Amino acid sequence: MSQLTLLHCITKQEGTIILPKLLTLNYLNTRFRKELGSISV
């Protein structure tokens, strides 16, 4: 039970670190695609 709680805390911490990174990557990716689209057109 304690191991499960510890694992949950670790994944929760990683989530708060990884999620913003994923959102930033997603934002940069969409922005990059828009710029590429405007260049190709």
N, C-alpha and C. Protein backbone atom coordinates (compact mmCIF):
# COMPACT_ATOMS: atom_id res chain seq x y z
N MET A 1 0.83 -1.20 0.00
CA MET A 1 0.00 0.00 0.00
C MET A 1 0.87 1.26 0.00
N SER A 2 1.90 1.26 0.85
CA SER A 2 2.78 2.43 0.93
C SER A 2 3.58 2.61 -0.36
N GLN A 3 3.95 1.47 -0.98
CA GLN A 3 4.69 1.54 -2.25
C GLN A 3 3.82 2.16 -3.34
N LEU A 4 2.56 1.79 -3.36
CA LEU A 4 1.61 2.32 -4.34
C LEU A 4 1.45 3.83 -4.16
N THR A 5 1.36 4.26 -2.90
CA THR A 5 1.23 5.69 -2.61
C THR A 5 2.48 6.43 -3.05
N LEU A 6 3.65 5.83 -2.80
CA LEU A 6 4.92 6.43 -3.18
C LEU A 6 5.00 6.56 -4.70
N LEU A 7 4.60 5.50 -5.39
CA LEU A 7 4.60 5.49 -6.86
C LEU A 7 3.68 6.58 -7.39
N HIS A 8 2.52 6.72 -6.76
CA HIS A 8 1.55 7.74 -7.17
C HIS A 8 2.14 9.14 -7.00
N CYS A 9 2.86 9.35 -5.89
CA CYS A 9 3.48 10.66 -5.64
C CYS A 9 4.54 10.95 -6.69
N ILE A 10 5.32 9.92 -7.05
CA ILE A 10 6.38 10.10 -8.05
C ILE A 10 5.77 10.44 -9.41
N THR A 11 4.76 9.68 -9.81
CA THR A 11 4.13 9.94 -11.11
C THR A 11 3.44 11.30 -11.13
N LYS A 12 2.92 11.71 -9.97
CA LYS A 12 2.27 13.02 -9.88
C LYS A 12 3.31 14.12 -10.05
N GLN A 13 4.49 13.95 -9.43
CA GLN A 13 5.57 14.92 -9.56
C GLN A 13 6.05 14.98 -11.01
N GLU A 14 6.26 13.82 -11.61
CA GLU A 14 6.71 13.77 -13.00
C GLU A 14 5.69 14.40 -13.92
N GLY A 15 4.42 14.18 -13.62
CA GLY A 15 3.34 14.75 -14.43
C GLY A 15 3.38 16.26 -14.45
N THR A 16 3.64 16.87 -13.30
CA THR A 16 3.69 18.33 -13.23
C THR A 16 4.89 18.89 -13.97
N ILE A 17 5.93 18.06 -14.12
CA ILE A 17 7.13 18.50 -14.85
C ILE A 17 6.97 18.23 -16.34
N ILE A 18 6.46 17.03 -16.66
CA ILE A 18 6.36 16.61 -18.06
C ILE A 18 5.24 17.34 -18.80
N LEU A 19 4.10 17.53 -18.14
CA LEU A 19 2.94 18.14 -18.81
C LEU A 19 3.25 19.51 -19.40
N PRO A 20 3.85 20.45 -18.66
CA PRO A 20 4.19 21.74 -19.26
C PRO A 20 5.14 21.60 -20.44
N LYS A 21 6.08 20.65 -20.35
CA LYS A 21 7.02 20.42 -21.46
C LYS A 21 6.27 19.95 -22.69
N LEU A 22 5.32 19.03 -22.50
CA LEU A 22 4.52 18.53 -23.61
C LEU A 22 3.68 19.64 -24.22
N LEU A 23 3.10 20.47 -23.38
CA LEU A 23 2.29 21.59 -23.87
C LEU A 23 3.15 22.58 -24.65
N THR A 24 4.37 22.82 -24.17
CA THR A 24 5.28 23.74 -24.86
C THR A 24 5.69 23.15 -26.20
N LEU A 25 5.99 21.84 -26.22
CA LEU A 25 6.35 21.18 -27.46
C LEU A 25 5.20 21.22 -28.45
N ASN A 26 3.99 20.99 -27.97
CA ASN A 26 2.80 21.02 -28.81
C ASN A 26 2.59 22.41 -29.39
N TYR A 27 2.78 23.44 -28.56
CA TYR A 27 2.63 24.82 -28.99
C TYR A 27 3.66 25.17 -30.06
N LEU A 28 4.93 24.78 -29.82
CA LEU A 28 5.99 25.06 -30.78
C LEU A 28 5.75 24.31 -32.08
N ASN A 29 5.24 23.08 -31.98
CA ASN A 29 4.97 22.26 -33.15
C ASN A 29 3.90 22.90 -34.03
N THR A 30 2.80 23.34 -33.42
CA THR A 30 1.72 23.96 -34.19
C THR A 30 2.18 25.29 -34.79
N ARG A 31 2.97 26.03 -34.04
CA ARG A 31 3.49 27.31 -34.53
C ARG A 31 4.43 27.08 -35.71
N PHE A 32 5.26 26.06 -35.59
CA PHE A 32 6.22 25.72 -36.64
C PHE A 32 5.47 25.29 -37.90
N ARG A 33 4.42 24.52 -37.72
CA ARG A 33 3.62 24.07 -38.87
C ARG A 33 2.94 25.24 -39.56
N LYS A 34 2.47 26.20 -38.79
CA LYS A 34 1.82 27.38 -39.37
C LYS A 34 2.83 28.16 -40.20
N GLU A 35 4.05 28.32 -39.67
CA GLU A 35 5.09 29.04 -40.40
C GLU A 35 5.46 28.29 -41.67
N LEU A 36 5.57 26.97 -41.58
CA LEU A 36 5.88 26.15 -42.74
C LEU A 36 4.78 26.27 -43.78
N GLY A 37 3.53 26.25 -43.31
CA GLY A 37 2.38 26.36 -44.21
C GLY A 37 2.38 27.68 -44.95
N SER A 38 2.69 28.77 -44.25
CA SER A 38 2.70 30.09 -44.88
C SER A 38 3.85 30.21 -45.87
N ILE A 39 4.96 29.50 -45.60
CA ILE A 39 6.11 29.55 -46.50
C ILE A 39 5.81 28.74 -47.77
N SER A 40 5.23 27.53 -47.58
CA SER A 40 4.96 26.67 -48.73
C SER A 40 3.86 27.26 -49.62
N VAL A 41 2.95 28.04 -49.04
CA VAL A 41 1.87 28.66 -49.81
C VAL A 41 2.39 29.96 -50.41
